[in-house]
Amino acid sequence: MQNRMKQRLYYLATGGLVLWLVGCQTHTQTDPQTGESTSAVQTVPVSKLAEHQHCGYFGATARVDVLRELDWKQVLPLGATPPAIALPKGELGVMIYLGQRPTAGYRLKLAGDATLAQGKLTLSTEEEGPPPNVFVAQVLTSPCVLYSVPEKTGFNRVEIKGNSKGLPAGIALE
């Protein structure tokens, strides 16, 4: 009889602990002014529109810009052929510049989902260099990549995380 009672008490305590842990995990804080959740993280759809090897930004570290309109003449150096691409209607452009690289063959790719939390859009990225033992042009490059993000997501800051020099990088929208 005592064993049965101990067993029931054990199940009751274990069930209560599980319910308490689940409740802690799903608890969200709310902003007292807006009443919106401050800890909710949303996945945001992001599309790669273009990438280029010569974007004219030769800084030592990465940089990010948010574009409402795309003018390739301002992005690319004089004489470079711009991609035949435009920002889709209702989308903002997120341009990530890697900065100066010693050879051709460098690029940036998404390394996970883009997320939105507390107004901050976060893109996780991974820089890829040229494959080992491959001949590449021995020329300074300044690679960049352009992603499109729905304007309706309502972000007011962008942060780019990754393994590139100078990351994380970010920008606040005005």
N, C-alpha and C. Protein backbone atom coordinates (compact mmCIF):
# COMPACT_ATOMS: atom_id res chain seq x y z
N MET A 1 0.81 -1.19 0.00
CA MET A 1 0.00 0.00 0.00
C MET A 1 0.86 1.26 0.00
N GLN A 2 1.92 1.25 0.84
CA GLN A 2 2.79 2.41 0.90
C GLN A 2 3.53 2.59 -0.42
N ASN A 3 3.93 1.49 -1.06
CA ASN A 3 4.63 1.59 -2.34
C ASN A 3 3.72 2.22 -3.40
N ARG A 4 2.46 1.82 -3.36
CA ARG A 4 1.51 2.38 -4.32
C ARG A 4 1.30 3.87 -4.08
N MET A 5 1.25 4.26 -2.84
CA MET A 5 1.08 5.67 -2.51
C MET A 5 2.32 6.46 -2.93
N LYS A 6 3.51 5.92 -2.70
CA LYS A 6 4.74 6.57 -3.11
C LYS A 6 4.78 6.71 -4.64
N GLN A 7 4.32 5.65 -5.32
CA GLN A 7 4.31 5.68 -6.78
C GLN A 7 3.37 6.77 -7.29
N ARG A 8 2.18 6.88 -6.70
CA ARG A 8 1.23 7.92 -7.11
C ARG A 8 1.79 9.31 -6.81
N LEU A 9 2.40 9.47 -5.65
CA LEU A 9 3.01 10.74 -5.29
C LEU A 9 4.13 11.10 -6.27
N TYR A 10 4.93 10.11 -6.66
CA TYR A 10 6.00 10.32 -7.63
C TYR A 10 5.42 10.79 -8.97
N TYR A 11 4.37 10.12 -9.47
CA TYR A 11 3.75 10.51 -10.73
C TYR A 11 3.14 11.92 -10.64
N LEU A 12 2.52 12.20 -9.53
CA LEU A 12 1.92 13.51 -9.34
C LEU A 12 2.99 14.60 -9.33
N ALA A 13 4.09 14.36 -8.63
CA ALA A 13 5.18 15.34 -8.56
C ALA A 13 5.83 15.50 -9.93
N THR A 14 6.06 14.41 -10.63
CA THR A 14 6.67 14.46 -11.97
C THR A 14 5.76 15.21 -12.93
N GLY A 15 4.47 14.91 -12.91
CA GLY A 15 3.52 15.61 -13.79
C GLY A 15 3.47 17.10 -13.48
N GLY A 16 3.48 17.46 -12.22
CA GLY A 16 3.48 18.87 -11.83
C GLY A 16 4.74 19.57 -12.29
N LEU A 17 5.88 18.89 -12.19
CA LEU A 17 7.15 19.47 -12.65
C LEU A 17 7.12 19.69 -14.16
N VAL A 18 6.62 18.72 -14.90
CA VAL A 18 6.53 18.85 -16.36
C VAL A 18 5.63 20.02 -16.73
N LEU A 19 4.46 20.12 -16.10
CA LEU A 19 3.55 21.24 -16.38
C LEU A 19 4.19 22.58 -16.03
N TRP A 20 4.92 22.64 -14.93
CA TRP A 20 5.59 23.88 -14.54
C TRP A 20 6.65 24.26 -15.57
N LEU A 21 7.44 23.28 -16.02
CA LEU A 21 8.48 23.55 -17.02
C LEU A 21 7.88 24.01 -18.34
N VAL A 22 6.81 23.38 -18.78
CA VAL A 22 6.16 23.78 -20.02
C VAL A 22 5.60 25.20 -19.88
N GLY A 23 5.03 25.50 -18.74
CA GLY A 23 4.51 26.84 -18.50
C GLY A 23 5.61 27.88 -18.52
N CYS A 24 6.79 27.56 -17.97
CA CYS A 24 7.92 28.50 -18.00
C CYS A 24 8.42 28.70 -19.42
N GLN A 25 8.42 27.64 -20.19
CA GLN A 25 8.93 27.73 -21.55
C GLN A 25 8.02 28.56 -22.44
N THR A 26 6.73 28.50 -22.24
CA THR A 26 5.81 29.22 -23.12
C THR A 26 5.44 30.60 -22.60
N HIS A 27 5.92 30.98 -21.43
CA HIS A 27 5.62 32.30 -20.88
C HIS A 27 6.26 33.38 -21.74
N THR A 28 5.51 34.37 -22.12
CA THR A 28 6.05 35.49 -22.89
C THR A 28 5.82 36.77 -22.12
N GLN A 29 6.79 37.68 -22.23
CA GLN A 29 6.65 38.98 -21.60
C GLN A 29 5.97 39.92 -22.58
N THR A 30 5.27 40.90 -22.06
CA THR A 30 4.61 41.86 -22.93
C THR A 30 5.11 43.27 -22.63
N ASP A 31 5.15 44.07 -23.67
CA ASP A 31 5.52 45.46 -23.55
C ASP A 31 4.37 46.19 -22.86
N PRO A 32 4.62 46.90 -21.75
CA PRO A 32 3.51 47.56 -21.06
C PRO A 32 2.85 48.67 -21.86
N GLN A 33 3.56 49.28 -22.81
CA GLN A 33 2.98 50.37 -23.59
C GLN A 33 2.14 49.85 -24.76
N THR A 34 2.65 48.83 -25.46
CA THR A 34 1.93 48.35 -26.65
C THR A 34 1.12 47.09 -26.40
N GLY A 35 1.48 46.35 -25.35
CA GLY A 35 0.79 45.09 -25.07
C GLY A 35 1.26 43.96 -25.97
N GLU A 36 2.28 44.19 -26.82
CA GLU A 36 2.78 43.16 -27.73
C GLU A 36 3.83 42.31 -27.02
N SER A 37 3.96 41.10 -27.49
CA SER A 37 4.94 40.18 -26.94
C SER A 37 6.34 40.68 -27.24
N THR A 38 7.22 40.63 -26.23
CA THR A 38 8.59 41.07 -26.42
C THR A 38 9.54 39.91 -26.63
N SER A 39 9.09 38.70 -26.43
CA SER A 39 9.99 37.56 -26.57
C SER A 39 9.62 36.65 -27.73
N ALA A 40 8.60 36.98 -28.49
CA ALA A 40 8.21 36.14 -29.61
C ALA A 40 9.20 36.33 -30.76
N VAL A 41 9.61 35.22 -31.34
CA VAL A 41 10.52 35.24 -32.48
C VAL A 41 9.77 34.69 -33.68
N GLN A 42 9.78 35.46 -34.77
CA GLN A 42 9.10 35.04 -35.99
C GLN A 42 10.13 34.74 -37.07
N THR A 43 9.82 33.78 -37.92
CA THR A 43 10.65 33.52 -39.09
C THR A 43 10.17 34.42 -40.21
N VAL A 44 11.11 35.04 -40.91
CA VAL A 44 10.80 35.99 -41.97
C VAL A 44 11.29 35.43 -43.31
N PRO A 45 10.44 35.47 -44.35
CA PRO A 45 10.89 35.00 -45.66
C PRO A 45 11.89 35.98 -46.28
N VAL A 46 13.01 35.46 -46.73
CA VAL A 46 14.07 36.25 -47.35
C VAL A 46 14.46 35.58 -48.65
N SER A 47 14.63 36.39 -49.71
CA SER A 47 15.03 35.86 -51.02
C SER A 47 16.31 36.54 -51.47
N LYS A 48 17.23 35.74 -52.01
CA LYS A 48 18.44 36.33 -52.58
C LYS A 48 18.11 36.81 -53.98
N LEU A 49 18.36 38.09 -54.23
CA LEU A 49 18.08 38.67 -55.54
C LEU A 49 19.30 38.70 -56.44
N ALA A 50 20.46 39.02 -55.87
CA ALA A 50 21.66 39.15 -56.69
C ALA A 50 22.90 39.12 -55.82
N GLU A 51 24.01 38.80 -56.45
CA GLU A 51 25.31 38.95 -55.80
C GLU A 51 26.30 39.43 -56.86
N HIS A 52 27.33 40.09 -56.39
CA HIS A 52 28.30 40.66 -57.32
C HIS A 52 29.68 40.62 -56.67
N GLN A 53 30.73 40.49 -57.47
CA GLN A 53 32.10 40.42 -56.94
C GLN A 53 32.73 41.79 -56.73
N HIS A 54 32.20 42.82 -57.39
CA HIS A 54 32.81 44.15 -57.28
C HIS A 54 31.74 45.18 -56.93
N CYS A 55 31.56 45.43 -55.63
CA CYS A 55 30.51 46.34 -55.20
C CYS A 55 31.02 47.69 -54.76
N GLY A 56 32.30 47.92 -54.86
CA GLY A 56 32.81 49.25 -54.60
C GLY A 56 33.00 49.62 -53.14
N TYR A 57 32.76 48.71 -52.21
CA TYR A 57 33.00 48.99 -50.79
C TYR A 57 34.25 48.20 -50.39
N PHE A 58 35.36 48.91 -50.16
CA PHE A 58 36.63 48.26 -49.85
C PHE A 58 37.03 48.42 -48.40
N GLY A 59 36.04 48.55 -47.53
CA GLY A 59 36.32 48.64 -46.09
C GLY A 59 36.92 47.34 -45.58
N ALA A 60 37.51 47.41 -44.39
CA ALA A 60 38.15 46.23 -43.80
C ALA A 60 37.13 45.28 -43.17
N THR A 61 35.93 45.77 -42.89
CA THR A 61 34.92 44.93 -42.25
C THR A 61 33.62 45.00 -43.05
N ALA A 62 32.72 44.09 -42.72
CA ALA A 62 31.44 44.01 -43.41
C ALA A 62 30.57 45.23 -43.09
N ARG A 63 29.61 45.48 -43.99
CA ARG A 63 28.67 46.59 -43.83
C ARG A 63 27.30 46.14 -44.35
N VAL A 64 26.24 46.72 -43.81
CA VAL A 64 24.89 46.39 -44.26
C VAL A 64 24.11 47.69 -44.51
N ASP A 65 23.32 47.68 -45.57
CA ASP A 65 22.44 48.80 -45.89
C ASP A 65 21.04 48.25 -46.16
N VAL A 66 20.03 49.03 -45.82
CA VAL A 66 18.65 48.70 -46.16
C VAL A 66 18.22 49.67 -47.25
N LEU A 67 17.73 49.12 -48.37
CA LEU A 67 17.38 49.92 -49.54
C LEU A 67 15.89 49.90 -49.79
N ARG A 68 15.32 51.07 -50.00
CA ARG A 68 13.92 51.16 -50.42
C ARG A 68 13.83 51.15 -51.93
N GLU A 69 14.86 51.69 -52.57
CA GLU A 69 14.97 51.68 -54.03
C GLU A 69 16.37 51.18 -54.37
N LEU A 70 16.49 50.52 -55.48
CA LEU A 70 17.76 49.95 -55.88
C LEU A 70 18.32 50.72 -57.07
N ASP A 71 19.47 51.32 -56.84
CA ASP A 71 20.18 52.02 -57.92
C ASP A 71 21.57 51.40 -58.00
N TRP A 72 21.73 50.48 -58.94
CA TRP A 72 23.00 49.76 -59.07
C TRP A 72 24.17 50.71 -59.35
N LYS A 73 23.91 51.86 -59.95
CA LYS A 73 24.98 52.81 -60.25
C LYS A 73 25.64 53.32 -58.97
N GLN A 74 24.87 53.37 -57.88
CA GLN A 74 25.42 53.81 -56.60
C GLN A 74 26.15 52.68 -55.88
N VAL A 75 25.81 51.44 -56.21
CA VAL A 75 26.39 50.29 -55.53
C VAL A 75 27.66 49.81 -56.21
N LEU A 76 27.61 49.68 -57.52
CA LEU A 76 28.72 49.09 -58.27
C LEU A 76 29.71 50.16 -58.72
N PRO A 77 30.99 49.78 -58.89
CA PRO A 77 31.96 50.76 -59.38
C PRO A 77 31.68 51.12 -60.84
N LEU A 78 32.23 52.23 -61.25
CA LEU A 78 32.05 52.74 -62.61
C LEU A 78 32.49 51.68 -63.62
N GLY A 79 31.65 51.42 -64.59
CA GLY A 79 31.97 50.47 -65.65
C GLY A 79 31.51 49.05 -65.39
N ALA A 80 31.11 48.72 -64.16
CA ALA A 80 30.64 47.36 -63.85
C ALA A 80 29.25 47.16 -64.44
N THR A 81 28.99 45.96 -64.91
CA THR A 81 27.69 45.64 -65.49
C THR A 81 26.71 45.29 -64.38
N PRO A 82 25.64 46.06 -64.23
CA PRO A 82 24.67 45.77 -63.17
C PRO A 82 23.80 44.57 -63.53
N PRO A 83 23.42 43.78 -62.53
CA PRO A 83 22.47 42.70 -62.79
C PRO A 83 21.12 43.28 -63.23
N ALA A 84 20.42 42.56 -64.04
CA ALA A 84 19.09 42.99 -64.51
C ALA A 84 18.06 42.58 -63.47
N ILE A 85 18.07 43.26 -62.37
CA ILE A 85 17.19 42.91 -61.25
C ILE A 85 16.67 44.18 -60.60
N ALA A 86 15.48 44.13 -60.07
CA ALA A 86 14.89 45.26 -59.34
C ALA A 86 14.24 44.70 -58.08
N LEU A 87 14.04 45.57 -57.11
CA LEU A 87 13.34 45.14 -55.89
C LEU A 87 11.88 44.87 -56.21
N PRO A 88 11.36 43.72 -55.81
CA PRO A 88 9.94 43.45 -56.01
C PRO A 88 9.08 44.46 -55.23
N LYS A 89 7.89 44.70 -55.72
CA LYS A 89 6.97 45.63 -55.07
C LYS A 89 6.66 45.13 -53.65
N GLY A 90 6.67 46.03 -52.69
CA GLY A 90 6.39 45.67 -51.30
C GLY A 90 7.56 45.04 -50.57
N GLU A 91 8.75 45.10 -51.17
CA GLU A 91 9.93 44.48 -50.56
C GLU A 91 10.98 45.55 -50.30
N LEU A 92 11.79 45.33 -49.29
CA LEU A 92 12.96 46.15 -49.01
C LEU A 92 14.19 45.32 -49.34
N GLY A 93 15.25 46.00 -49.73
CA GLY A 93 16.49 45.30 -50.01
C GLY A 93 17.43 45.38 -48.82
N VAL A 94 18.07 44.27 -48.51
CA VAL A 94 19.12 44.23 -47.50
C VAL A 94 20.40 43.89 -48.23
N MET A 95 21.28 44.89 -48.38
CA MET A 95 22.53 44.72 -49.10
C MET A 95 23.64 44.50 -48.08
N ILE A 96 24.34 43.39 -48.22
CA ILE A 96 25.45 43.07 -47.32
C ILE A 96 26.74 43.14 -48.13
N TYR A 97 27.63 44.00 -47.69
CA TYR A 97 28.93 44.15 -48.32
C TYR A 97 29.97 43.43 -47.46
N LEU A 98 30.77 42.56 -48.07
CA LEU A 98 31.78 41.84 -47.31
C LEU A 98 33.02 42.68 -47.05
N GLY A 99 33.24 43.73 -47.86
CA GLY A 99 34.47 44.49 -47.75
C GLY A 99 35.53 43.89 -48.68
N GLN A 100 36.74 44.36 -48.56
CA GLN A 100 37.81 43.95 -49.47
C GLN A 100 38.23 42.50 -49.23
N ARG A 101 38.40 41.76 -50.33
CA ARG A 101 38.90 40.39 -50.30
C ARG A 101 40.08 40.29 -51.26
N PRO A 102 41.04 39.40 -50.99
CA PRO A 102 42.28 39.38 -51.78
C PRO A 102 42.17 38.75 -53.17
N THR A 103 41.13 37.96 -53.40
CA THR A 103 40.96 37.29 -54.69
C THR A 103 39.49 37.19 -55.03
N ALA A 104 39.21 36.72 -56.22
CA ALA A 104 37.83 36.41 -56.61
C ALA A 104 37.39 35.14 -55.89
N GLY A 105 36.09 34.87 -55.92
CA GLY A 105 35.58 33.61 -55.39
C GLY A 105 34.95 33.68 -54.01
N TYR A 106 34.88 34.85 -53.42
CA TYR A 106 34.24 34.98 -52.10
C TYR A 106 32.76 35.29 -52.28
N ARG A 107 31.95 34.70 -51.40
CA ARG A 107 30.51 34.95 -51.45
C ARG A 107 29.92 34.75 -50.07
N LEU A 108 28.70 35.22 -49.90
CA LEU A 108 28.00 35.13 -48.63
C LEU A 108 26.68 34.42 -48.86
N LYS A 109 26.34 33.48 -47.99
CA LYS A 109 25.07 32.77 -48.11
C LYS A 109 24.38 32.75 -46.75
N LEU A 110 23.07 32.58 -46.79
CA LEU A 110 22.31 32.46 -45.55
C LEU A 110 22.64 31.12 -44.89
N ALA A 111 22.77 31.15 -43.57
CA ALA A 111 23.12 29.93 -42.83
C ALA A 111 21.97 29.51 -41.93
N GLY A 112 20.79 29.98 -42.20
CA GLY A 112 19.63 29.63 -41.39
C GLY A 112 18.49 30.57 -41.72
N ASP A 113 17.43 30.45 -40.95
CA ASP A 113 16.26 31.29 -41.17
C ASP A 113 16.53 32.72 -40.72
N ALA A 114 15.93 33.67 -41.40
CA ALA A 114 15.92 35.05 -40.95
C ALA A 114 14.85 35.15 -39.87
N THR A 115 15.15 35.86 -38.80
CA THR A 115 14.20 35.97 -37.70
C THR A 115 13.92 37.43 -37.37
N LEU A 116 12.75 37.65 -36.79
CA LEU A 116 12.33 38.97 -36.35
C LEU A 116 11.92 38.86 -34.89
N ALA A 117 12.56 39.66 -34.05
CA ALA A 117 12.21 39.70 -32.63
C ALA A 117 12.41 41.12 -32.13
N GLN A 118 11.42 41.67 -31.48
CA GLN A 118 11.46 43.01 -30.90
C GLN A 118 11.90 44.05 -31.94
N GLY A 119 11.43 43.91 -33.17
CA GLY A 119 11.72 44.88 -34.22
C GLY A 119 13.05 44.69 -34.90
N LYS A 120 13.84 43.69 -34.48
CA LYS A 120 15.16 43.47 -35.07
C LYS A 120 15.13 42.27 -36.01
N LEU A 121 15.48 42.51 -37.27
CA LEU A 121 15.61 41.46 -38.27
C LEU A 121 17.04 40.92 -38.18
N THR A 122 17.18 39.63 -37.97
CA THR A 122 18.50 39.01 -37.85
C THR A 122 18.69 38.01 -38.97
N LEU A 123 19.80 38.17 -39.70
CA LEU A 123 20.18 37.23 -40.76
C LEU A 123 21.46 36.54 -40.33
N SER A 124 21.44 35.22 -40.29
CA SER A 124 22.64 34.45 -40.00
C SER A 124 23.27 34.06 -41.33
N THR A 125 24.55 34.37 -41.49
CA THR A 125 25.21 34.16 -42.76
C THR A 125 26.48 33.35 -42.60
N GLU A 126 26.99 32.90 -43.72
CA GLU A 126 28.26 32.17 -43.74
C GLU A 126 29.03 32.62 -44.98
N GLU A 127 30.25 33.06 -44.76
CA GLU A 127 31.11 33.45 -45.88
C GLU A 127 31.82 32.22 -46.43
N GLU A 128 31.81 32.10 -47.74
CA GLU A 128 32.54 31.03 -48.40
C GLU A 128 33.64 31.65 -49.24
N GLY A 129 34.83 31.12 -49.11
CA GLY A 129 35.94 31.57 -49.93
C GLY A 129 36.10 30.64 -51.11
N PRO A 130 37.08 30.92 -51.95
CA PRO A 130 37.31 30.02 -53.09
C PRO A 130 37.75 28.65 -52.59
N PRO A 131 37.38 27.59 -53.30
CA PRO A 131 37.80 26.25 -52.89
C PRO A 131 39.33 26.14 -52.88
N PRO A 132 39.87 25.30 -52.02
CA PRO A 132 41.32 25.15 -51.98
C PRO A 132 41.84 24.53 -53.29
N ASN A 133 43.06 24.87 -53.65
CA ASN A 133 43.74 24.32 -54.83
C ASN A 133 43.02 24.62 -56.14
N VAL A 134 42.35 25.76 -56.19
CA VAL A 134 41.67 26.19 -57.41
C VAL A 134 42.27 27.52 -57.83
N PHE A 135 42.50 27.69 -59.11
CA PHE A 135 43.02 28.95 -59.61
C PHE A 135 41.91 30.00 -59.60
N VAL A 136 42.20 31.13 -58.99
CA VAL A 136 41.24 32.24 -58.97
C VAL A 136 41.98 33.50 -59.40
N ALA A 137 41.24 34.46 -59.86
CA ALA A 137 41.83 35.73 -60.28
C ALA A 137 42.49 36.41 -59.09
N GLN A 138 43.74 36.82 -59.28
CA GLN A 138 44.47 37.53 -58.23
C GLN A 138 44.18 39.02 -58.36
N VAL A 139 43.01 39.39 -57.91
CA VAL A 139 42.54 40.76 -58.01
C VAL A 139 41.74 41.08 -56.76
N LEU A 140 41.87 42.31 -56.28
CA LEU A 140 41.07 42.70 -55.12
C LEU A 140 39.60 42.75 -55.52
N THR A 141 38.76 42.18 -54.69
CA THR A 141 37.32 42.19 -54.94
C THR A 141 36.61 42.79 -53.73
N SER A 142 35.37 43.16 -53.93
CA SER A 142 34.52 43.68 -52.85
C SER A 142 33.13 43.09 -53.02
N PRO A 143 32.97 41.80 -52.67
CA PRO A 143 31.70 41.12 -52.91
C PRO A 143 30.55 41.68 -52.07
N CYS A 144 29.35 41.55 -52.64
CA CYS A 144 28.14 41.93 -51.92
C CYS A 144 27.02 40.98 -52.35
N VAL A 145 25.98 40.97 -51.55
CA VAL A 145 24.80 40.16 -51.87
C VAL A 145 23.57 40.98 -51.47
N LEU A 146 22.53 40.86 -52.28
CA LEU A 146 21.29 41.59 -52.05
C LEU A 146 20.17 40.60 -51.76
N TYR A 147 19.53 40.79 -50.61
CA TYR A 147 18.37 39.98 -50.24
C TYR A 147 17.14 40.88 -50.22
N SER A 148 15.98 40.31 -50.50
CA SER A 148 14.73 41.06 -50.37
C SER A 148 13.96 40.52 -49.18
N VAL A 149 13.32 41.46 -48.48
CA VAL A 149 12.55 41.15 -47.28
C VAL A 149 11.22 41.88 -47.39
N PRO A 150 10.10 41.24 -47.05
CA PRO A 150 8.81 41.95 -47.10
C PRO A 150 8.82 43.19 -46.21
N GLU A 151 8.42 44.32 -46.77
CA GLU A 151 8.39 45.57 -46.02
C GLU A 151 7.41 45.49 -44.85
N LYS A 152 6.36 44.70 -45.01
CA LYS A 152 5.32 44.62 -43.98
C LYS A 152 5.78 43.94 -42.69
N THR A 153 6.99 43.35 -42.69
CA THR A 153 7.48 42.73 -41.46
C THR A 153 7.66 43.75 -40.35
N GLY A 154 7.87 45.02 -40.72
CA GLY A 154 7.92 46.08 -39.73
C GLY A 154 9.19 46.14 -38.90
N PHE A 155 10.30 45.65 -39.41
CA PHE A 155 11.54 45.72 -38.64
C PHE A 155 12.08 47.15 -38.63
N ASN A 156 12.80 47.50 -37.55
CA ASN A 156 13.41 48.82 -37.48
C ASN A 156 14.93 48.77 -37.29
N ARG A 157 15.44 47.56 -37.18
CA ARG A 157 16.89 47.33 -37.09
C ARG A 157 17.22 46.05 -37.84
N VAL A 158 18.44 45.98 -38.37
CA VAL A 158 18.91 44.78 -39.04
C VAL A 158 20.24 44.40 -38.43
N GLU A 159 20.41 43.13 -38.13
CA GLU A 159 21.69 42.62 -37.65
C GLU A 159 22.09 41.44 -38.51
N ILE A 160 23.34 41.46 -38.97
CA ILE A 160 23.89 40.37 -39.76
C ILE A 160 24.92 39.66 -38.90
N LYS A 161 24.70 38.38 -38.68
CA LYS A 161 25.64 37.57 -37.90
C LYS A 161 26.33 36.60 -38.85
N GLY A 162 27.52 36.17 -38.47
CA GLY A 162 28.20 35.19 -39.30
C GLY A 162 29.68 35.14 -39.03
N ASN A 163 30.39 34.43 -39.91
CA ASN A 163 31.82 34.20 -39.72
C ASN A 163 32.69 35.18 -40.49
N SER A 164 32.11 36.20 -41.13
CA SER A 164 32.89 37.19 -41.87
C SER A 164 33.52 38.19 -40.92
N LYS A 165 34.65 38.72 -41.32
CA LYS A 165 35.32 39.74 -40.53
C LYS A 165 34.41 40.96 -40.41
N GLY A 166 34.23 41.44 -39.21
CA GLY A 166 33.40 42.61 -38.99
C GLY A 166 31.97 42.30 -38.61
N LEU A 167 31.60 41.03 -38.57
CA LEU A 167 30.25 40.67 -38.16
C LEU A 167 30.27 40.34 -36.68
N PRO A 168 29.23 40.63 -35.94
CA PRO A 168 27.96 41.12 -36.41
C PRO A 168 28.03 42.58 -36.84
N ALA A 169 27.26 42.89 -37.84
CA ALA A 169 27.10 44.26 -38.33
C ALA A 169 25.63 44.58 -38.29
N GLY A 170 25.30 45.84 -38.15
CA GLY A 170 23.89 46.18 -38.08
C GLY A 170 23.63 47.60 -38.50
N ILE A 171 22.37 47.89 -38.65
CA ILE A 171 21.93 49.23 -39.01
C ILE A 171 20.54 49.44 -38.44
N ALA A 172 20.30 50.67 -37.99
CA ALA A 172 18.96 51.05 -37.53
C ALA A 172 18.30 51.86 -38.64
N LEU A 173 17.04 51.59 -38.90
CA LEU A 173 16.32 52.34 -39.92
C LEU A 173 15.87 53.66 -39.35
N GLU A 174 15.85 54.66 -40.19
CA GLU A 174 15.46 56.00 -39.75
C GLU A 174 13.97 56.20 -39.94
